[in-house]
Amino acid sequence: MNRVAHPEIRLDQFLKVEGLVGTGGQAKMLIQAGDVLVNGQVETRRRRKLELGDVVQLGVVRVVVASPPERVENRP
């Protein structure tokens, strides 16, 4: 299971960014068909906002939504 940093993202965007689908249209079709799970439940709302810790599953691939890495500035 992969942990991927995304501060605030919709389900359809997440699938595209993660490379689980090639297009937004493909994401829409898979979501509406009930092929995508969020936290173990079928999710049919493509614009669902994902939260930190959500687990998105498409087929056998699972990805955990994680917070983005913190930026550390080096200042003298």
Foldseek 3Di string as FASTA:
>chain_A
DAEDADAKAFQLVVCCVVVVDPDSVVSLVCLCVQQKDKQNGRHNDRRDIDHAQIWIDHPHDIYGYHHDDDDDDDDD
